[in-house]
């Protein structure tokens, strides 16, 4: 595999749902992939509010904190600022073929849908779309208005996968972590990354409608 095939781009933006992004980051690093990470200014505010995690704006300092927290290997985690235009994710010749924005704010959703590319996150998403790669967006908003839905439809028609942070309950979650793992597991499934975060539907479960007495 090439370096691009062994890497993935992950962006955290300013929607509620920081636990999803952090858990996904941990799983990607545990899988051995190199992660190209971007965290928006609004996402750092959400991380501080929801996870009591205050990350510095400086990419190098941020990378050091997160690498230590998730036991990343040397150079496995790359963190970029919003205007690092010479980073690999800014060009189709160097960007990984897969990218996830988790959580994805409706502002980011709109910017990607309209091709704004004002920040590195937006540009990275635009690159994946134009190179016919895999882009997964995890919006966390409710309810959606017509503008949000139009943007999601447009991106879906362009080949992106829209995966709202809407965990299921058939796996009988016992904690918030179980709900987070449900969504992260679905993301990993679409990325074709093996995991053991939850029991899959139909495996090890007995339906209440099963007629076990013949």
N, C-alpha and C. Protein backbone atom coordinates (compact mmCIF):
# COMPACT_ATOMS: atom_id res chain seq x y z
N UNK A 1 0.83 -1.20 0.00
CA UNK A 1 0.00 0.00 0.00
C UNK A 1 0.87 1.25 0.00
N UNK A 2 0.41 2.28 -0.70
CA UNK A 2 1.12 3.55 -0.71
C UNK A 2 0.81 4.33 0.56
N UNK A 3 1.57 5.39 0.79
CA UNK A 3 1.33 6.21 1.97
C UNK A 3 -0.07 6.83 1.93
N UNK A 4 -0.53 7.19 0.73
CA UNK A 4 -1.86 7.78 0.61
C UNK A 4 -2.94 6.75 0.96
N UNK A 5 -2.70 5.49 0.62
CA UNK A 5 -3.68 4.45 0.92
C UNK A 5 -3.66 4.07 2.40
N UNK A 6 -2.60 4.39 3.10
CA UNK A 6 -2.49 4.08 4.51
C UNK A 6 -2.85 5.27 5.38
N UNK A 7 -3.38 6.32 4.77
CA UNK A 7 -3.69 7.54 5.50
C UNK A 7 -5.14 7.93 5.30
N UNK A 8 -5.64 8.74 6.22
CA UNK A 8 -7.00 9.24 6.13
C UNK A 8 -7.04 10.66 6.67
N UNK A 9 -7.92 11.47 6.12
CA UNK A 9 -8.10 12.83 6.60
C UNK A 9 -9.31 12.88 7.51
N UNK A 10 -9.15 13.51 8.67
CA UNK A 10 -10.24 13.66 9.63
C UNK A 10 -10.33 15.12 10.03
N UNK A 11 -11.55 15.65 10.02
CA UNK A 11 -11.77 17.03 10.45
C UNK A 11 -12.86 17.06 11.51
N UNK A 12 -12.64 17.85 12.54
CA UNK A 12 -13.64 18.10 13.58
C UNK A 12 -14.07 19.55 13.45
N UNK A 13 -15.37 19.77 13.34
CA UNK A 13 -15.86 21.14 13.23
C UNK A 13 -16.79 21.45 14.40
N UNK A 14 -17.44 22.62 14.35
CA UNK A 14 -18.07 23.17 15.54
C UNK A 14 -19.46 22.71 15.90
N UNK A 15 -19.90 21.56 15.44
CA UNK A 15 -21.18 21.02 15.88
C UNK A 15 -21.00 20.30 17.21
N UNK A 16 -22.08 20.16 17.96
CA UNK A 16 -22.04 19.32 19.15
C UNK A 16 -21.78 17.89 18.70
N UNK A 17 -21.06 17.14 19.53
CA UNK A 17 -20.73 15.77 19.16
C UNK A 17 -19.24 15.50 19.19
N UNK A 18 -18.50 16.25 20.01
CA UNK A 18 -17.06 16.05 20.12
C UNK A 18 -16.68 14.61 20.46
N UNK A 19 -17.45 13.90 21.31
CA UNK A 19 -17.07 12.51 21.62
C UNK A 19 -16.99 11.62 20.38
N UNK A 20 -17.84 11.86 19.38
CA UNK A 20 -17.78 11.08 18.16
C UNK A 20 -16.42 11.26 17.47
N UNK A 21 -16.01 12.51 17.34
CA UNK A 21 -14.76 12.79 16.65
C UNK A 21 -13.55 12.23 17.37
N UNK A 22 -13.52 12.35 18.69
CA UNK A 22 -12.39 11.84 19.46
C UNK A 22 -12.32 10.32 19.42
N UNK A 23 -13.47 9.68 19.54
CA UNK A 23 -13.49 8.22 19.50
C UNK A 23 -13.06 7.70 18.13
N UNK A 24 -13.52 8.38 17.08
CA UNK A 24 -13.11 8.00 15.73
C UNK A 24 -11.61 8.17 15.56
N UNK A 25 -11.07 9.28 16.05
CA UNK A 25 -9.63 9.51 15.97
C UNK A 25 -8.87 8.39 16.66
N UNK A 26 -9.33 8.01 17.84
CA UNK A 26 -8.66 6.93 18.58
C UNK A 26 -8.68 5.63 17.78
N UNK A 27 -9.81 5.30 17.19
CA UNK A 27 -9.94 4.05 16.44
C UNK A 27 -9.08 4.05 15.18
N UNK A 28 -9.02 5.18 14.50
CA UNK A 28 -8.20 5.28 13.30
C UNK A 28 -6.72 5.10 13.63
N UNK A 29 -6.29 5.69 14.72
CA UNK A 29 -4.89 5.54 15.13
C UNK A 29 -4.61 4.11 15.57
N UNK A 30 -5.55 3.50 16.28
CA UNK A 30 -5.37 2.12 16.72
C UNK A 30 -5.31 1.16 15.53
N UNK A 31 -5.94 1.54 14.43
CA UNK A 31 -5.94 0.68 13.24
C UNK A 31 -4.62 0.76 12.48
N UNK A 32 -3.76 1.68 12.87
CA UNK A 32 -2.46 1.80 12.24
C UNK A 32 -2.39 2.81 11.11
N UNK A 33 -3.51 3.49 10.83
CA UNK A 33 -3.51 4.49 9.77
C UNK A 33 -2.81 5.77 10.21
N UNK A 34 -2.22 6.46 9.23
CA UNK A 34 -1.76 7.81 9.50
C UNK A 34 -2.96 8.73 9.37
N UNK A 35 -3.12 9.64 10.31
CA UNK A 35 -4.27 10.54 10.32
C UNK A 35 -3.81 11.97 10.09
N UNK A 36 -4.41 12.60 9.08
CA UNK A 36 -4.22 14.02 8.82
C UNK A 36 -5.40 14.75 9.45
N UNK A 37 -5.16 15.43 10.54
CA UNK A 37 -6.24 15.98 11.37
C UNK A 37 -6.31 17.49 11.28
N UNK A 38 -7.56 17.99 11.19
CA UNK A 38 -7.83 19.42 11.26
C UNK A 38 -8.94 19.65 12.26
N UNK A 39 -8.77 20.65 13.11
CA UNK A 39 -9.76 21.00 14.12
C UNK A 39 -10.06 22.48 13.98
N UNK A 40 -11.30 22.80 13.69
CA UNK A 40 -11.66 24.20 13.51
C UNK A 40 -11.66 24.94 14.85
N UNK A 41 -11.65 26.26 14.78
CA UNK A 41 -11.68 27.07 16.01
C UNK A 41 -12.93 26.78 16.82
N UNK A 42 -14.07 26.65 16.13
CA UNK A 42 -15.32 26.35 16.82
C UNK A 42 -15.28 24.95 17.44
N UNK A 43 -14.62 24.02 16.78
CA UNK A 43 -14.51 22.66 17.33
C UNK A 43 -13.71 22.66 18.62
N UNK A 44 -12.68 23.50 18.71
CA UNK A 44 -11.91 23.57 19.96
C UNK A 44 -12.78 24.09 21.10
N UNK A 45 -13.70 25.00 20.78
CA UNK A 45 -14.64 25.50 21.80
C UNK A 45 -15.55 24.36 22.27
N UNK A 46 -16.06 23.58 21.31
CA UNK A 46 -16.94 22.46 21.65
C UNK A 46 -16.19 21.40 22.45
N UNK A 47 -14.95 21.11 22.09
CA UNK A 47 -14.15 20.14 22.83
C UNK A 47 -13.95 20.58 24.27
N UNK A 48 -13.72 21.86 24.47
CA UNK A 48 -13.54 22.36 25.83
C UNK A 48 -14.84 22.25 26.63
N UNK A 49 -15.97 22.51 25.97
CA UNK A 49 -17.27 22.48 26.65
C UNK A 49 -17.75 21.06 26.93
N UNK A 50 -17.61 20.17 25.94
CA UNK A 50 -18.18 18.82 26.06
C UNK A 50 -17.21 17.80 26.66
N UNK A 51 -15.91 18.04 26.48
CA UNK A 51 -14.93 17.05 26.93
C UNK A 51 -13.90 17.62 27.90
N UNK A 52 -14.06 18.88 28.27
CA UNK A 52 -13.09 19.56 29.15
C UNK A 52 -11.68 19.41 28.60
N UNK A 53 -11.58 19.46 27.27
CA UNK A 53 -10.28 19.33 26.61
C UNK A 53 -9.94 20.65 25.93
N UNK A 54 -8.94 21.31 26.43
CA UNK A 54 -8.51 22.57 25.86
C UNK A 54 -7.27 22.34 25.00
N UNK A 55 -7.46 22.42 23.69
CA UNK A 55 -6.38 22.17 22.76
C UNK A 55 -5.81 23.49 22.25
N UNK A 56 -4.51 23.60 22.15
CA UNK A 56 -3.89 24.81 21.62
C UNK A 56 -4.14 24.96 20.13
N UNK A 57 -4.11 26.19 19.66
CA UNK A 57 -4.31 26.44 18.24
C UNK A 57 -3.10 26.03 17.41
N UNK A 58 -1.92 26.06 18.02
CA UNK A 58 -0.70 25.69 17.30
C UNK A 58 -0.74 24.21 16.92
N UNK A 59 -0.65 23.89 15.64
CA UNK A 59 -0.77 22.49 15.19
C UNK A 59 0.20 21.53 15.86
N UNK A 60 1.47 21.94 16.00
CA UNK A 60 2.47 21.05 16.57
C UNK A 60 2.15 20.70 18.01
N UNK A 61 1.75 21.72 18.80
CA UNK A 61 1.42 21.49 20.20
C UNK A 61 0.17 20.63 20.33
N UNK A 62 -0.80 20.87 19.47
CA UNK A 62 -2.02 20.08 19.46
C UNK A 62 -1.72 18.62 19.13
N UNK A 63 -0.89 18.40 18.13
CA UNK A 63 -0.54 17.04 17.73
C UNK A 63 0.16 16.30 18.86
N UNK A 64 1.01 16.99 19.59
CA UNK A 64 1.74 16.36 20.68
C UNK A 64 0.79 15.90 21.79
N UNK A 65 -0.18 16.74 22.12
CA UNK A 65 -1.15 16.41 23.18
C UNK A 65 -1.99 15.21 22.77
N UNK A 66 -2.51 15.23 21.54
CA UNK A 66 -3.39 14.16 21.09
C UNK A 66 -2.63 12.86 20.87
N UNK A 67 -1.41 12.95 20.36
CA UNK A 67 -0.61 11.75 20.15
C UNK A 67 -0.32 11.07 21.47
N UNK A 68 -0.05 11.84 22.49
CA UNK A 68 0.21 11.28 23.81
C UNK A 68 -1.06 10.66 24.40
N UNK A 69 -2.18 11.33 24.23
CA UNK A 69 -3.44 10.84 24.77
C UNK A 69 -3.85 9.51 24.13
N UNK A 70 -3.63 9.37 22.82
CA UNK A 70 -4.09 8.19 22.11
C UNK A 70 -2.97 7.22 21.75
N UNK A 71 -1.80 7.42 22.35
CA UNK A 71 -0.66 6.52 22.15
C UNK A 71 -0.32 6.32 20.68
N UNK A 72 -0.31 7.41 19.94
CA UNK A 72 0.02 7.34 18.52
C UNK A 72 1.51 7.07 18.33
N UNK A 73 1.82 6.41 17.23
CA UNK A 73 3.22 6.17 16.88
C UNK A 73 3.85 7.47 16.37
N UNK A 74 5.17 7.55 16.38
CA UNK A 74 5.83 8.76 15.88
C UNK A 74 5.40 9.07 14.45
N UNK A 75 5.03 10.29 14.20
CA UNK A 75 4.61 10.79 12.88
C UNK A 75 3.31 10.17 12.37
N UNK A 76 2.59 9.45 13.22
CA UNK A 76 1.33 8.86 12.78
C UNK A 76 0.22 9.90 12.71
N UNK A 77 0.30 10.92 13.56
CA UNK A 77 -0.73 11.95 13.61
C UNK A 77 -0.16 13.28 13.13
N UNK A 78 -0.77 13.82 12.08
CA UNK A 78 -0.39 15.12 11.55
C UNK A 78 -1.55 16.09 11.77
N UNK A 79 -1.27 17.22 12.37
CA UNK A 79 -2.31 18.23 12.62
C UNK A 79 -1.97 19.47 11.82
N UNK A 80 -2.99 20.05 11.16
CA UNK A 80 -2.78 21.22 10.32
C UNK A 80 -3.68 22.37 10.76
N UNK A 81 -3.17 23.58 10.58
CA UNK A 81 -3.95 24.78 10.83
C UNK A 81 -4.86 25.09 9.66
N UNK A 82 -5.76 26.04 9.86
CA UNK A 82 -6.80 26.29 8.86
C UNK A 82 -6.29 26.91 7.57
N UNK A 83 -5.03 27.39 7.56
CA UNK A 83 -4.49 28.00 6.34
C UNK A 83 -3.14 27.39 5.96
N UNK A 84 -2.93 26.14 6.29
CA UNK A 84 -1.69 25.47 5.87
C UNK A 84 -1.88 24.90 4.47
N UNK A 85 -1.83 25.79 3.49
CA UNK A 85 -2.17 25.43 2.11
C UNK A 85 -1.15 24.51 1.45
N UNK A 86 0.04 24.36 2.06
CA UNK A 86 1.05 23.48 1.48
C UNK A 86 1.03 22.10 2.13
N UNK A 87 -0.01 21.81 2.91
CA UNK A 87 -0.15 20.47 3.49
C UNK A 87 -0.66 19.50 2.43
N UNK A 88 -0.44 18.21 2.59
CA UNK A 88 -0.85 17.23 1.58
C UNK A 88 -2.35 17.26 1.27
N UNK A 89 -3.18 17.55 2.28
CA UNK A 89 -4.63 17.48 2.08
C UNK A 89 -5.16 18.58 1.16
N UNK A 90 -4.32 19.57 0.84
CA UNK A 90 -4.77 20.70 0.02
C UNK A 90 -4.66 20.43 -1.47
N UNK A 91 -4.08 19.30 -1.84
CA UNK A 91 -3.87 19.03 -3.26
C UNK A 91 -4.25 17.61 -3.63
N UNK A 92 -4.84 17.46 -4.79
CA UNK A 92 -5.21 16.14 -5.27
C UNK A 92 -4.03 15.23 -5.48
N UNK A 93 -2.85 15.79 -5.62
CA UNK A 93 -1.66 14.96 -5.85
C UNK A 93 -1.12 14.35 -4.56
N UNK A 94 -1.60 14.86 -3.40
CA UNK A 94 -1.04 14.36 -2.15
C UNK A 94 -2.05 13.95 -1.11
N UNK A 95 -3.31 14.34 -1.29
CA UNK A 95 -4.31 14.09 -0.26
C UNK A 95 -4.71 12.62 -0.18
N UNK A 96 -5.00 12.12 1.03
CA UNK A 96 -5.57 10.77 1.15
C UNK A 96 -6.87 10.66 0.37
N UNK A 97 -7.25 9.46 -0.01
CA UNK A 97 -8.45 9.26 -0.81
C UNK A 97 -9.72 9.24 0.03
N UNK A 98 -9.58 9.19 1.34
CA UNK A 98 -10.73 9.13 2.23
C UNK A 98 -10.68 10.29 3.23
N UNK A 99 -11.86 10.85 3.51
CA UNK A 99 -11.96 11.94 4.47
C UNK A 99 -13.27 11.85 5.21
N UNK A 100 -13.21 12.13 6.52
CA UNK A 100 -14.41 12.18 7.35
C UNK A 100 -14.44 13.53 8.07
N UNK A 101 -15.60 14.17 8.06
CA UNK A 101 -15.81 15.37 8.87
C UNK A 101 -16.78 14.97 9.96
N UNK A 102 -16.29 14.89 11.20
CA UNK A 102 -17.06 14.35 12.31
C UNK A 102 -16.68 15.03 13.62
N UNK A 103 -17.59 15.79 14.23
CA UNK A 103 -18.90 16.16 13.70
C UNK A 103 -18.78 17.23 12.63
N UNK A 104 -19.82 17.32 11.82
CA UNK A 104 -19.85 18.31 10.73
C UNK A 104 -20.90 19.36 11.03
N UNK A 105 -20.48 20.59 11.21
CA UNK A 105 -21.42 21.68 11.46
C UNK A 105 -22.20 22.00 10.19
N UNK A 106 -23.36 22.63 10.35
CA UNK A 106 -24.13 23.00 9.17
C UNK A 106 -23.41 24.10 8.38
N UNK A 107 -22.58 24.87 9.05
CA UNK A 107 -21.77 25.87 8.34
C UNK A 107 -20.77 25.19 7.42
N UNK A 108 -20.09 24.18 7.94
CA UNK A 108 -19.14 23.43 7.12
C UNK A 108 -19.87 22.70 6.00
N UNK A 109 -21.02 22.13 6.31
CA UNK A 109 -21.84 21.46 5.31
C UNK A 109 -22.14 22.39 4.15
N UNK A 110 -22.55 23.62 4.47
CA UNK A 110 -22.88 24.60 3.44
C UNK A 110 -21.65 24.98 2.62
N UNK A 111 -20.53 25.18 3.30
CA UNK A 111 -19.31 25.58 2.60
C UNK A 111 -18.81 24.51 1.65
N UNK A 112 -18.87 23.26 2.08
CA UNK A 112 -18.44 22.15 1.22
C UNK A 112 -19.40 22.01 0.04
N UNK A 113 -20.69 22.12 0.31
CA UNK A 113 -21.69 21.96 -0.75
C UNK A 113 -21.58 23.03 -1.83
N UNK A 114 -21.11 24.20 -1.45
CA UNK A 114 -21.01 25.31 -2.40
C UNK A 114 -19.58 25.54 -2.90
N UNK A 115 -18.66 24.67 -2.49
CA UNK A 115 -17.29 24.75 -2.99
C UNK A 115 -16.53 25.98 -2.54
N UNK A 116 -16.76 26.44 -1.33
CA UNK A 116 -16.14 27.69 -0.87
C UNK A 116 -14.62 27.59 -0.73
N UNK A 117 -14.13 26.56 -0.06
CA UNK A 117 -12.69 26.33 0.11
C UNK A 117 -11.98 27.51 0.76
N UNK A 118 -12.63 28.15 1.72
CA UNK A 118 -12.02 29.27 2.43
C UNK A 118 -11.06 28.82 3.52
N UNK A 119 -11.24 27.62 4.03
CA UNK A 119 -10.35 27.06 5.05
C UNK A 119 -9.77 25.76 4.53
N UNK A 120 -8.78 25.24 5.24
CA UNK A 120 -8.15 23.99 4.80
C UNK A 120 -9.13 22.83 4.89
N UNK A 121 -10.02 22.84 5.86
CA UNK A 121 -11.02 21.78 5.97
C UNK A 121 -11.90 21.77 4.72
N UNK A 122 -12.37 22.94 4.34
CA UNK A 122 -13.24 23.04 3.16
C UNK A 122 -12.48 22.64 1.89
N UNK A 123 -11.24 23.07 1.79
CA UNK A 123 -10.44 22.73 0.62
C UNK A 123 -10.17 21.23 0.57
N UNK A 124 -9.86 20.62 1.71
CA UNK A 124 -9.59 19.19 1.75
C UNK A 124 -10.80 18.40 1.29
N UNK A 125 -11.99 18.81 1.72
CA UNK A 125 -13.21 18.13 1.30
C UNK A 125 -13.43 18.32 -0.20
N UNK A 126 -13.17 19.51 -0.69
CA UNK A 126 -13.32 19.79 -2.12
C UNK A 126 -12.36 18.91 -2.94
N UNK A 127 -11.15 18.73 -2.43
CA UNK A 127 -10.16 17.90 -3.11
C UNK A 127 -10.65 16.46 -3.22
N UNK A 128 -11.17 15.92 -2.12
CA UNK A 128 -11.65 14.53 -2.14
C UNK A 128 -12.79 14.38 -3.14
N UNK A 129 -13.69 15.36 -3.19
CA UNK A 129 -14.80 15.30 -4.14
C UNK A 129 -14.30 15.35 -5.59
N UNK A 130 -13.40 16.27 -5.87
CA UNK A 130 -12.95 16.42 -7.25
C UNK A 130 -12.11 15.25 -7.72
N UNK A 131 -11.45 14.57 -6.76
CA UNK A 131 -10.62 13.42 -7.11
C UNK A 131 -11.42 12.12 -7.06
N UNK A 132 -12.75 12.24 -6.85
CA UNK A 132 -13.63 11.08 -6.79
C UNK A 132 -13.23 10.11 -5.68
N UNK A 133 -12.83 10.70 -4.54
CA UNK A 133 -12.50 9.89 -3.38
C UNK A 133 -13.74 9.67 -2.51
N UNK A 134 -13.53 9.26 -1.27
CA UNK A 134 -14.64 8.97 -0.35
C UNK A 134 -14.72 10.06 0.71
N UNK A 135 -15.84 10.76 0.73
CA UNK A 135 -16.07 11.81 1.71
C UNK A 135 -17.29 11.44 2.55
N UNK A 136 -17.10 11.40 3.87
CA UNK A 136 -18.19 11.10 4.80
C UNK A 136 -18.41 12.32 5.69
N UNK A 137 -19.65 12.78 5.74
CA UNK A 137 -20.02 13.92 6.57
C UNK A 137 -20.96 13.45 7.67
N UNK A 138 -20.67 13.84 8.90
CA UNK A 138 -21.48 13.43 10.05
C UNK A 138 -22.10 14.66 10.70
N UNK A 139 -23.20 15.17 10.12
CA UNK A 139 -23.85 16.35 10.71
C UNK A 139 -24.53 16.00 12.03
N UNK A 140 -24.50 16.94 12.96
CA UNK A 140 -25.17 16.74 14.25
C UNK A 140 -26.00 18.00 14.50
N UNK A 141 -27.22 17.97 14.02
CA UNK A 141 -28.14 19.10 14.16
C UNK A 141 -29.55 18.54 14.14
N UNK A 142 -30.45 19.20 14.82
CA UNK A 142 -31.86 18.79 14.77
C UNK A 142 -32.75 19.95 15.20
N UNK A 143 -33.83 20.20 14.50
CA UNK A 143 -34.19 19.56 13.23
C UNK A 143 -33.39 20.15 12.08
N UNK A 144 -33.42 19.49 10.94
CA UNK A 144 -32.81 20.04 9.74
C UNK A 144 -33.83 20.92 9.03
N UNK A 145 -33.37 22.09 8.56
CA UNK A 145 -34.26 22.91 7.74
C UNK A 145 -34.03 22.59 6.26
N UNK A 146 -34.78 23.22 5.40
CA UNK A 146 -34.71 22.91 3.98
C UNK A 146 -33.32 23.22 3.40
N UNK A 147 -32.67 24.24 3.93
CA UNK A 147 -31.33 24.58 3.45
C UNK A 147 -30.36 23.44 3.75
N UNK A 148 -30.40 22.94 4.99
CA UNK A 148 -29.52 21.82 5.36
C UNK A 148 -29.78 20.61 4.46
N UNK A 149 -31.05 20.31 4.26
CA UNK A 149 -31.42 19.14 3.47
C UNK A 149 -31.00 19.29 2.01
N UNK A 150 -31.12 20.50 1.48
CA UNK A 150 -30.69 20.74 0.10
C UNK A 150 -29.18 20.54 -0.03
N UNK A 151 -28.42 21.01 0.95
CA UNK A 151 -26.97 20.83 0.91
C UNK A 151 -26.60 19.36 1.01
N UNK A 152 -27.28 18.63 1.87
CA UNK A 152 -27.00 17.20 2.00
C UNK A 152 -27.35 16.44 0.73
N UNK A 153 -28.47 16.79 0.13
CA UNK A 153 -28.86 16.15 -1.12
C UNK A 153 -27.82 16.43 -2.21
N UNK A 154 -27.39 17.66 -2.31
CA UNK A 154 -26.41 18.03 -3.33
C UNK A 154 -25.11 17.25 -3.15
N UNK A 155 -24.64 17.16 -1.90
CA UNK A 155 -23.40 16.44 -1.64
C UNK A 155 -23.56 14.94 -1.87
N UNK A 156 -24.72 14.41 -1.52
CA UNK A 156 -24.98 13.00 -1.78
C UNK A 156 -24.95 12.72 -3.28
N UNK A 157 -25.52 13.61 -4.06
CA UNK A 157 -25.52 13.45 -5.51
C UNK A 157 -24.11 13.56 -6.09
N UNK A 158 -23.22 14.24 -5.38
CA UNK A 158 -21.83 14.36 -5.81
C UNK A 158 -20.97 13.18 -5.36
N UNK A 159 -21.58 12.26 -4.61
CA UNK A 159 -20.86 11.07 -4.20
C UNK A 159 -20.49 10.99 -2.74
N UNK A 160 -20.76 12.06 -1.97
CA UNK A 160 -20.45 12.04 -0.54
C UNK A 160 -21.46 11.17 0.20
N UNK A 161 -21.05 10.65 1.34
CA UNK A 161 -21.95 9.90 2.21
C UNK A 161 -22.38 10.79 3.37
N UNK A 162 -23.68 10.95 3.52
CA UNK A 162 -24.22 11.76 4.61
C UNK A 162 -24.67 10.82 5.72
N UNK A 163 -24.04 10.94 6.87
CA UNK A 163 -24.29 10.02 7.97
C UNK A 163 -24.60 10.80 9.25
N UNK A 164 -25.84 11.27 9.40
CA UNK A 164 -26.18 12.04 10.59
C UNK A 164 -25.88 11.27 11.88
N UNK A 165 -25.46 11.99 12.90
CA UNK A 165 -25.15 11.35 14.18
C UNK A 165 -26.45 10.94 14.86
N UNK A 166 -26.98 9.80 14.43
CA UNK A 166 -28.27 9.30 14.93
C UNK A 166 -28.09 7.83 15.31
N UNK A 167 -27.54 7.55 16.50
CA UNK A 167 -27.27 6.17 16.89
C UNK A 167 -28.53 5.35 17.07
N UNK A 168 -28.42 4.05 16.79
CA UNK A 168 -29.52 3.13 17.00
C UNK A 168 -29.52 2.59 18.42
N UNK A 169 -30.51 1.78 18.72
CA UNK A 169 -30.65 1.24 20.07
C UNK A 169 -30.82 -0.27 20.10
N UNK A 170 -30.76 -0.91 18.93
CA UNK A 170 -30.99 -2.35 18.91
C UNK A 170 -29.86 -3.14 19.57
N UNK A 171 -28.70 -2.49 19.77
CA UNK A 171 -27.60 -3.18 20.45
C UNK A 171 -27.68 -3.01 21.97
N UNK A 172 -28.80 -2.44 22.44
CA UNK A 172 -29.07 -2.30 23.88
C UNK A 172 -27.96 -1.53 24.60
N UNK A 173 -27.74 -0.28 24.23
CA UNK A 173 -26.68 0.51 24.84
C UNK A 173 -26.90 0.70 26.34
N UNK A 174 -25.82 0.61 27.06
CA UNK A 174 -25.86 0.79 28.51
C UNK A 174 -25.23 2.10 28.97
N UNK A 175 -24.64 2.82 28.04
CA UNK A 175 -23.94 4.04 28.40
C UNK A 175 -23.87 4.98 27.20
N UNK A 176 -23.46 6.21 27.45
CA UNK A 176 -23.25 7.16 26.36
C UNK A 176 -22.14 6.65 25.44
N UNK A 177 -21.13 6.02 26.04
CA UNK A 177 -20.03 5.48 25.23
C UNK A 177 -20.55 4.46 24.22
N UNK A 178 -21.55 3.67 24.62
CA UNK A 178 -22.12 2.68 23.70
C UNK A 178 -22.79 3.36 22.50
N UNK A 179 -23.45 4.49 22.75
CA UNK A 179 -24.09 5.24 21.67
C UNK A 179 -23.06 5.86 20.75
N UNK A 180 -21.99 6.37 21.33
CA UNK A 180 -20.90 6.92 20.52
C UNK A 180 -20.29 5.83 19.65
N UNK A 181 -20.05 4.67 20.25
CA UNK A 181 -19.44 3.57 19.50
C UNK A 181 -20.32 3.10 18.34
N UNK A 182 -21.64 3.20 18.50
CA UNK A 182 -22.53 2.81 17.41
C UNK A 182 -22.24 3.64 16.17
N UNK A 183 -22.16 4.95 16.34
CA UNK A 183 -21.91 5.82 15.19
C UNK A 183 -20.51 5.63 14.64
N UNK A 184 -19.53 5.52 15.51
CA UNK A 184 -18.16 5.34 15.05
C UNK A 184 -18.02 4.02 14.30
N UNK A 185 -18.72 2.99 14.78
CA UNK A 185 -18.69 1.70 14.09
C UNK A 185 -19.24 1.80 12.68
N UNK A 186 -20.32 2.55 12.50
CA UNK A 186 -20.90 2.70 11.17
C UNK A 186 -19.95 3.47 10.24
N UNK A 187 -19.26 4.45 10.79
CA UNK A 187 -18.28 5.19 9.99
C UNK A 187 -17.15 4.25 9.56
N UNK A 188 -16.64 3.48 10.51
CA UNK A 188 -15.55 2.55 10.20
C UNK A 188 -15.99 1.51 9.17
N UNK A 189 -17.25 1.08 9.25
CA UNK A 189 -17.77 0.15 8.26
C UNK A 189 -17.66 0.73 6.86
N UNK A 190 -18.05 1.98 6.71
CA UNK A 190 -18.01 2.62 5.40
C UNK A 190 -16.59 2.87 4.92
N UNK A 191 -15.67 2.99 5.86
CA UNK A 191 -14.26 3.16 5.51
C UNK A 191 -13.58 1.82 5.26
N UNK A 192 -14.32 0.72 5.48
CA UNK A 192 -13.80 -0.63 5.32
C UNK A 192 -12.65 -0.91 6.29
N UNK A 193 -12.85 -0.46 7.54
CA UNK A 193 -11.87 -0.67 8.60
C UNK A 193 -12.46 -1.63 9.63
N UNK A 194 -11.77 -2.71 9.91
CA UNK A 194 -12.26 -3.70 10.86
C UNK A 194 -12.34 -3.12 12.27
N UNK A 195 -13.35 -3.57 13.01
CA UNK A 195 -13.51 -3.12 14.40
C UNK A 195 -14.35 -4.13 15.16
N UNK A 196 -14.38 -3.95 16.48
CA UNK A 196 -15.22 -4.77 17.36
C UNK A 196 -15.96 -3.88 18.34
N UNK A 197 -16.46 -2.80 17.85
CA UNK A 197 -17.10 -1.82 18.73
C UNK A 197 -18.50 -2.24 19.15
N UNK A 198 -19.18 -3.04 18.34
CA UNK A 198 -20.54 -3.43 18.68
C UNK A 198 -20.92 -4.70 17.94
N UNK A 199 -21.96 -5.37 18.44
CA UNK A 199 -22.48 -6.56 17.78
C UNK A 199 -23.30 -6.14 16.58
N UNK A 200 -23.06 -6.80 15.45
CA UNK A 200 -23.79 -6.44 14.24
C UNK A 200 -25.20 -7.02 14.26
N UNK A 201 -26.09 -6.36 13.55
CA UNK A 201 -27.48 -6.79 13.47
C UNK A 201 -27.57 -8.23 12.95
N UNK A 202 -28.34 -9.06 13.68
CA UNK A 202 -28.54 -10.43 13.25
C UNK A 202 -27.52 -11.41 13.75
N UNK A 203 -26.49 -10.92 14.45
CA UNK A 203 -25.45 -11.80 14.97
C UNK A 203 -25.50 -11.79 16.50
N UNK A 204 -25.81 -12.93 17.09
CA UNK A 204 -25.83 -13.02 18.54
C UNK A 204 -27.05 -12.38 19.16
N UNK A 205 -28.13 -12.17 18.36
CA UNK A 205 -29.34 -11.54 18.86
C UNK A 205 -30.53 -12.44 18.59
N UNK A 206 -31.50 -12.38 19.46
CA UNK A 206 -32.74 -13.12 19.28
C UNK A 206 -33.88 -12.15 19.19
N UNK A 207 -34.60 -12.17 18.08
CA UNK A 207 -35.71 -11.25 17.90
C UNK A 207 -36.89 -11.67 18.75
N UNK A 208 -37.65 -10.70 19.24
CA UNK A 208 -38.84 -10.97 20.03
C UNK A 208 -39.90 -11.67 19.20
N UNK A 209 -39.79 -11.57 17.89
CA UNK A 209 -40.79 -12.17 17.00
C UNK A 209 -40.39 -13.57 16.54
N UNK A 210 -39.20 -14.04 16.97
CA UNK A 210 -38.77 -15.38 16.58
C UNK A 210 -39.69 -16.44 17.20
N UNK A 211 -40.06 -17.40 16.42
CA UNK A 211 -40.88 -18.53 16.91
C UNK A 211 -39.93 -19.69 17.18
N UNK A 212 -39.44 -19.77 18.41
CA UNK A 212 -38.43 -20.77 18.73
C UNK A 212 -39.04 -22.12 19.09
N UNK A 213 -40.39 -22.20 19.11
CA UNK A 213 -41.03 -23.45 19.49
C UNK A 213 -41.64 -24.20 18.29
N UNK A 214 -41.22 -23.77 17.08
CA UNK A 214 -41.65 -24.49 15.88
C UNK A 214 -42.98 -24.06 15.34
